[in-house]
Structures are given as structure tokens and as C-alpha cells.
Amino acid sequence: QIQLVESGGGLVQPGGSLRLSCAASGFTFSIYAMSWYRQAPGKERELVAHITALGAVQFADSVKGRFAISRDNDKSTVYLEMNSLTIEDTAAYYCNTKRGPVNFWGKGTLVTVSS
């Protein structure tokens, strides 16, 4: 079955950087789009970044110019490179893939931006 396992979260100071990883299994990774979402305390889950099977990317306005998304099809892994982090980036970050109307989620990795 489809499994998504996030890693790389942690505590970072404002202005710092983190790289999140999502290891995927149970499907042919290279032919599916992948996304990163986040959910801050008391807020709804929101799309952060998306990468298609061909490598086209899109970002939420709030992270444009600071975050990058990439994929390594040989490793079945999608990455989220986060730079110039702010307190507002504090959230649980989730890896996602879709099959029609069905969403598949990892368990998430927590990113805390604090001084």
C-alpha cells in the first residue's frame, strides 16, 4: 500500500534553514505528482509546494522565493528545502500524493521556528 514517511523537522531559529524529506513506497513514484502541506496550530492544512511527475513546481505565495521542492525518482523521495524561515512557518509538515479524489498522507514532521 502507499506509504509516505516524512523526516527532517526540528527546531530552528528565525532566518535558518531545514530540508524535509518524504520517502515514498507502494507505488510507482516517478509517474505521480507529490505535494507538501502544512498545518499550524489552530489553522487549516494548506498547500505549501507541489511538483508534477515531469518536475514542474508551484508554491504558496507565502513561501515563494524561500522554499524549493524537488524529487529524486531513483530514491522515491521528495524534498522540501526551506530557507529564511520565520515564526509563521511553524507547523506540522505533511507529504501528500493523490489518486483522483483520494488523498494519501504521511504522519507529518514538526517544524518549530523559534529564537
N, C-alpha and C. Protein backbone atom coordinates (compact mmCIF):
# COMPACT_ATOMS: atom_id res chain seq x y z
N GLN A 1 0.83 -1.18 0.00
CA GLN A 1 0.00 0.00 0.00
C GLN A 1 0.88 1.25 0.00
N ILE A 2 0.26 2.37 -0.32
CA ILE A 2 1.00 3.62 -0.38
C ILE A 2 1.44 4.03 1.01
N GLN A 3 2.73 4.32 1.15
CA GLN A 3 3.25 4.83 2.41
C GLN A 3 4.12 6.04 2.14
N LEU A 4 3.97 7.03 3.00
CA LEU A 4 4.75 8.26 2.92
C LEU A 4 5.33 8.52 4.30
N VAL A 5 6.64 8.69 4.38
CA VAL A 5 7.30 8.89 5.66
C VAL A 5 8.15 10.15 5.60
N GLU A 6 7.73 11.15 6.37
CA GLU A 6 8.45 12.42 6.41
C GLU A 6 9.56 12.39 7.47
N SER A 7 10.58 13.19 7.23
CA SER A 7 11.65 13.35 8.20
C SER A 7 12.30 14.71 7.97
N GLY A 8 13.12 15.12 8.93
CA GLY A 8 13.90 16.34 8.78
C GLY A 8 13.40 17.54 9.55
N GLY A 9 12.27 17.41 10.22
CA GLY A 9 11.78 18.52 11.01
C GLY A 9 12.62 18.75 12.25
N GLY A 10 12.32 19.85 12.93
CA GLY A 10 13.05 20.15 14.15
C GLY A 10 12.90 21.59 14.54
N LEU A 11 13.72 21.99 15.49
CA LEU A 11 13.73 23.36 15.99
C LEU A 11 14.81 24.16 15.27
N VAL A 12 14.42 25.31 14.76
CA VAL A 12 15.37 26.16 14.04
C VAL A 12 15.10 27.62 14.40
N GLN A 13 16.13 28.43 14.39
CA GLN A 13 15.97 29.85 14.69
C GLN A 13 15.42 30.60 13.49
N PRO A 14 14.76 31.72 13.72
CA PRO A 14 14.33 32.54 12.59
C PRO A 14 15.50 32.88 11.68
N GLY A 15 15.26 32.79 10.38
CA GLY A 15 16.31 33.01 9.40
C GLY A 15 17.06 31.76 9.02
N GLY A 16 16.82 30.68 9.72
CA GLY A 16 17.52 29.44 9.46
C GLY A 16 16.90 28.63 8.33
N SER A 17 17.46 27.45 8.15
CA SER A 17 17.05 26.57 7.05
C SER A 17 16.85 25.14 7.55
N LEU A 18 16.00 24.42 6.84
CA LEU A 18 15.79 23.00 7.08
C LEU A 18 15.48 22.34 5.75
N ARG A 19 15.80 21.05 5.64
CA ARG A 19 15.39 20.27 4.48
C ARG A 19 14.56 19.10 4.96
N LEU A 20 13.34 19.04 4.49
CA LEU A 20 12.47 17.92 4.80
C LEU A 20 12.56 16.89 3.69
N SER A 21 12.40 15.64 4.09
CA SER A 21 12.38 14.53 3.13
C SER A 21 11.10 13.73 3.30
N CYS A 22 10.63 13.17 2.22
CA CYS A 22 9.47 12.27 2.26
C CYS A 22 9.82 11.04 1.43
N ALA A 23 9.97 9.93 2.11
CA ALA A 23 10.25 8.66 1.44
C ALA A 23 8.94 7.96 1.10
N ALA A 24 8.76 7.66 -0.16
CA ALA A 24 7.50 7.06 -0.62
C ALA A 24 7.71 5.60 -0.99
N SER A 25 6.70 4.81 -0.82
CA SER A 25 6.74 3.41 -1.21
C SER A 25 5.33 2.92 -1.52
N GLY A 26 5.27 1.78 -2.21
CA GLY A 26 3.97 1.19 -2.50
C GLY A 26 3.35 1.63 -3.80
N PHE A 27 4.07 2.44 -4.57
CA PHE A 27 3.56 2.87 -5.87
C PHE A 27 4.74 3.30 -6.75
N THR A 28 4.46 3.47 -8.03
CA THR A 28 5.49 3.89 -8.98
C THR A 28 5.70 5.39 -8.84
N PHE A 29 6.64 5.76 -8.01
CA PHE A 29 6.83 7.15 -7.59
C PHE A 29 6.99 8.10 -8.77
N SER A 30 7.74 7.67 -9.76
CA SER A 30 8.16 8.59 -10.82
C SER A 30 7.01 9.13 -11.66
N ILE A 31 5.85 8.51 -11.63
CA ILE A 31 4.78 8.93 -12.53
C ILE A 31 3.69 9.73 -11.83
N TYR A 32 3.91 10.05 -10.55
CA TYR A 32 2.89 10.78 -9.80
C TYR A 32 3.40 12.10 -9.25
N ALA A 33 2.52 13.08 -9.23
CA ALA A 33 2.81 14.35 -8.59
C ALA A 33 2.87 14.15 -7.07
N MET A 34 3.65 15.00 -6.44
CA MET A 34 3.79 14.98 -4.99
C MET A 34 3.64 16.40 -4.45
N SER A 35 3.19 16.48 -3.22
CA SER A 35 2.97 17.79 -2.61
C SER A 35 3.42 17.80 -1.16
N TRP A 36 3.70 18.99 -0.68
CA TRP A 36 3.91 19.24 0.74
C TRP A 36 2.81 20.18 1.21
N TYR A 37 2.20 19.81 2.33
CA TYR A 37 1.22 20.65 3.01
C TYR A 37 1.75 20.96 4.41
N ARG A 38 1.14 21.94 5.04
CA ARG A 38 1.47 22.20 6.44
C ARG A 38 0.21 22.60 7.19
N GLN A 39 0.25 22.36 8.48
CA GLN A 39 -0.85 22.75 9.35
C GLN A 39 -0.30 23.34 10.62
N ALA A 40 -0.56 24.62 10.81
CA ALA A 40 -0.15 25.30 12.03
C ALA A 40 -1.23 25.12 13.09
N PRO A 41 -0.86 25.26 14.36
CA PRO A 41 -1.86 25.10 15.43
C PRO A 41 -3.04 26.04 15.24
N GLY A 42 -4.25 25.47 15.28
CA GLY A 42 -5.45 26.27 15.15
C GLY A 42 -5.80 26.71 13.75
N LYS A 43 -5.03 26.22 12.77
CA LYS A 43 -5.29 26.62 11.38
C LYS A 43 -5.57 25.41 10.52
N GLU A 44 -6.13 25.66 9.35
CA GLU A 44 -6.40 24.58 8.42
C GLU A 44 -5.11 24.15 7.70
N ARG A 45 -5.13 22.93 7.24
CA ARG A 45 -4.00 22.44 6.46
C ARG A 45 -3.96 23.19 5.12
N GLU A 46 -2.76 23.60 4.71
CA GLU A 46 -2.61 24.36 3.48
C GLU A 46 -1.52 23.79 2.61
N LEU A 47 -1.71 23.94 1.31
CA LEU A 47 -0.71 23.50 0.34
C LEU A 47 0.50 24.45 0.40
N VAL A 48 1.68 23.87 0.49
CA VAL A 48 2.92 24.64 0.52
C VAL A 48 3.62 24.60 -0.83
N ALA A 49 3.77 23.38 -1.37
CA ALA A 49 4.50 23.22 -2.62
C ALA A 49 4.06 21.95 -3.32
N HIS A 50 4.18 21.96 -4.64
CA HIS A 50 3.72 20.84 -5.46
C HIS A 50 4.72 20.62 -6.58
N ILE A 51 4.96 19.36 -6.89
CA ILE A 51 5.84 19.05 -8.02
C ILE A 51 5.18 17.95 -8.85
N THR A 52 5.10 18.18 -10.14
CA THR A 52 4.50 17.19 -11.02
C THR A 52 5.49 16.07 -11.32
N ALA A 53 5.01 15.05 -12.00
CA ALA A 53 5.88 13.94 -12.39
C ALA A 53 7.00 14.43 -13.31
N LEU A 54 6.73 15.47 -14.08
CA LEU A 54 7.74 15.99 -15.00
C LEU A 54 8.62 17.07 -14.37
N GLY A 55 8.35 17.40 -13.11
CA GLY A 55 9.21 18.34 -12.42
C GLY A 55 8.74 19.77 -12.39
N ALA A 56 7.55 20.05 -12.93
CA ALA A 56 7.01 21.41 -12.82
C ALA A 56 6.61 21.66 -11.37
N VAL A 57 6.86 22.88 -10.91
CA VAL A 57 6.64 23.18 -9.49
C VAL A 57 5.73 24.38 -9.31
N GLN A 58 5.08 24.43 -8.17
CA GLN A 58 4.31 25.60 -7.78
C GLN A 58 4.37 25.71 -6.26
N PHE A 59 4.20 26.96 -5.80
CA PHE A 59 4.36 27.24 -4.38
C PHE A 59 3.24 28.15 -3.89
N ALA A 60 2.96 28.04 -2.61
CA ALA A 60 2.09 29.01 -1.97
C ALA A 60 2.79 30.37 -1.99
N ASP A 61 2.00 31.42 -2.09
CA ASP A 61 2.59 32.77 -2.14
C ASP A 61 3.46 33.04 -0.92
N SER A 62 3.08 32.50 0.21
CA SER A 62 3.78 32.79 1.47
C SER A 62 5.19 32.21 1.51
N VAL A 63 5.50 31.26 0.63
CA VAL A 63 6.82 30.63 0.67
C VAL A 63 7.62 30.84 -0.61
N LYS A 64 7.02 31.50 -1.60
CA LYS A 64 7.73 31.73 -2.86
C LYS A 64 9.04 32.47 -2.62
N GLY A 65 10.09 31.99 -3.25
CA GLY A 65 11.40 32.61 -3.11
C GLY A 65 12.17 32.13 -1.90
N ARG A 66 11.53 31.39 -1.02
CA ARG A 66 12.21 30.89 0.19
C ARG A 66 12.29 29.37 0.22
N PHE A 67 11.28 28.71 -0.33
CA PHE A 67 11.21 27.25 -0.32
C PHE A 67 11.46 26.71 -1.72
N ALA A 68 11.99 25.50 -1.76
CA ALA A 68 12.16 24.78 -3.02
C ALA A 68 11.69 23.34 -2.83
N ILE A 69 11.09 22.80 -3.86
CA ILE A 69 10.66 21.40 -3.83
C ILE A 69 11.39 20.66 -4.95
N SER A 70 11.81 19.45 -4.65
CA SER A 70 12.50 18.64 -5.65
C SER A 70 12.18 17.18 -5.40
N ARG A 71 12.53 16.35 -6.37
CA ARG A 71 12.26 14.93 -6.24
C ARG A 71 13.43 14.13 -6.79
N ASP A 72 13.66 12.98 -6.19
CA ASP A 72 14.67 12.04 -6.65
C ASP A 72 13.93 10.74 -6.94
N ASN A 73 13.65 10.50 -8.22
CA ASN A 73 12.85 9.32 -8.57
C ASN A 73 13.60 8.01 -8.29
N ASP A 74 14.92 8.05 -8.34
CA ASP A 74 15.68 6.84 -8.04
C ASP A 74 15.52 6.44 -6.57
N LYS A 75 15.33 7.43 -5.71
CA LYS A 75 15.17 7.17 -4.28
C LYS A 75 13.72 7.22 -3.83
N SER A 76 12.82 7.49 -4.76
CA SER A 76 11.38 7.62 -4.42
C SER A 76 11.20 8.59 -3.26
N THR A 77 11.86 9.72 -3.38
CA THR A 77 11.86 10.71 -2.29
C THR A 77 11.58 12.10 -2.85
N VAL A 78 10.78 12.84 -2.11
CA VAL A 78 10.54 14.25 -2.44
C VAL A 78 11.07 15.09 -1.28
N TYR A 79 11.64 16.23 -1.63
CA TYR A 79 12.29 17.09 -0.65
C TYR A 79 11.62 18.45 -0.61
N LEU A 80 11.71 19.09 0.55
CA LEU A 80 11.30 20.48 0.69
C LEU A 80 12.43 21.22 1.37
N GLU A 81 13.09 22.07 0.59
CA GLU A 81 14.17 22.89 1.12
C GLU A 81 13.56 24.20 1.59
N MET A 82 13.74 24.52 2.87
CA MET A 82 13.13 25.71 3.45
C MET A 82 14.22 26.65 3.94
N ASN A 83 14.22 27.87 3.44
CA ASN A 83 15.20 28.87 3.80
C ASN A 83 14.51 30.12 4.36
N SER A 84 15.29 30.95 5.03
CA SER A 84 14.77 32.20 5.59
C SER A 84 13.49 31.95 6.39
N LEU A 85 13.56 30.96 7.24
CA LEU A 85 12.37 30.56 7.99
C LEU A 85 11.95 31.65 8.97
N THR A 86 10.64 31.78 9.12
CA THR A 86 10.06 32.73 10.06
C THR A 86 9.17 31.97 11.06
N ILE A 87 8.80 32.67 12.11
CA ILE A 87 7.95 32.07 13.13
C ILE A 87 6.65 31.56 12.50
N GLU A 88 6.19 32.25 11.46
CA GLU A 88 4.95 31.86 10.79
C GLU A 88 5.06 30.54 10.02
N ASP A 89 6.27 30.04 9.85
CA ASP A 89 6.46 28.75 9.18
C ASP A 89 6.32 27.57 10.15
N THR A 90 6.18 27.86 11.43
CA THR A 90 5.99 26.80 12.42
C THR A 90 4.72 26.03 12.13
N ALA A 91 4.87 24.72 11.96
CA ALA A 91 3.72 23.88 11.60
C ALA A 91 4.17 22.43 11.53
N ALA A 92 3.19 21.55 11.45
CA ALA A 92 3.45 20.17 11.07
C ALA A 92 3.40 20.11 9.56
N TYR A 93 4.41 19.51 8.96
CA TYR A 93 4.51 19.43 7.51
C TYR A 93 4.21 17.99 7.05
N TYR A 94 3.34 17.90 6.04
CA TYR A 94 2.87 16.61 5.58
C TYR A 94 3.16 16.40 4.11
N CYS A 95 3.58 15.22 3.78
CA CYS A 95 3.76 14.79 2.40
C CYS A 95 2.43 14.26 1.89
N ASN A 96 2.17 14.46 0.61
CA ASN A 96 0.86 14.08 0.05
C ASN A 96 1.00 13.61 -1.39
N THR A 97 0.20 12.63 -1.74
CA THR A 97 0.00 12.26 -3.12
C THR A 97 -1.48 11.93 -3.30
N LYS A 98 -1.97 12.10 -4.48
CA LYS A 98 -3.39 11.92 -4.74
C LYS A 98 -3.64 10.87 -5.82
N ARG A 99 -4.74 10.17 -5.66
CA ARG A 99 -5.22 9.28 -6.70
C ARG A 99 -6.67 9.67 -6.94
N GLY A 100 -6.90 10.53 -7.91
CA GLY A 100 -8.23 11.05 -8.11
C GLY A 100 -8.63 11.85 -6.89
N PRO A 101 -9.80 11.54 -6.31
CA PRO A 101 -10.26 12.30 -5.14
C PRO A 101 -9.66 11.83 -3.82
N VAL A 102 -8.85 10.80 -3.87
CA VAL A 102 -8.31 10.21 -2.64
C VAL A 102 -6.94 10.78 -2.33
N ASN A 103 -6.79 11.28 -1.11
CA ASN A 103 -5.52 11.80 -0.63
C ASN A 103 -4.82 10.77 0.23
N PHE A 104 -3.51 10.70 0.04
CA PHE A 104 -2.67 9.86 0.89
C PHE A 104 -1.70 10.78 1.61
N TRP A 105 -1.57 10.56 2.92
CA TRP A 105 -0.77 11.44 3.77
C TRP A 105 0.25 10.65 4.56
N GLY A 106 1.38 11.31 4.82
CA GLY A 106 2.27 10.79 5.81
C GLY A 106 1.81 11.23 7.19
N LYS A 107 2.58 10.86 8.21
CA LYS A 107 2.21 11.23 9.58
C LYS A 107 2.68 12.62 9.94
N GLY A 108 3.55 13.19 9.12
CA GLY A 108 3.99 14.55 9.34
C GLY A 108 5.29 14.66 10.10
N THR A 109 5.93 15.80 9.93
CA THR A 109 7.12 16.13 10.70
C THR A 109 6.98 17.57 11.18
N LEU A 110 7.33 17.79 12.43
CA LEU A 110 7.09 19.09 13.05
C LEU A 110 8.28 20.03 12.83
N VAL A 111 7.95 21.22 12.38
CA VAL A 111 8.94 22.29 12.23
C VAL A 111 8.59 23.41 13.19
N THR A 112 9.52 23.74 14.05
CA THR A 112 9.32 24.82 15.01
C THR A 112 10.38 25.89 14.78
N VAL A 113 9.92 27.09 14.48
CA VAL A 113 10.83 28.21 14.27
C VAL A 113 10.72 29.12 15.47
N SER A 114 11.80 29.20 16.23
CA SER A 114 11.76 29.97 17.47
C SER A 114 13.16 30.39 17.86
N SER A 115 13.23 31.55 18.49
CA SER A 115 14.52 32.02 18.99
C SER A 115 14.71 31.60 20.45
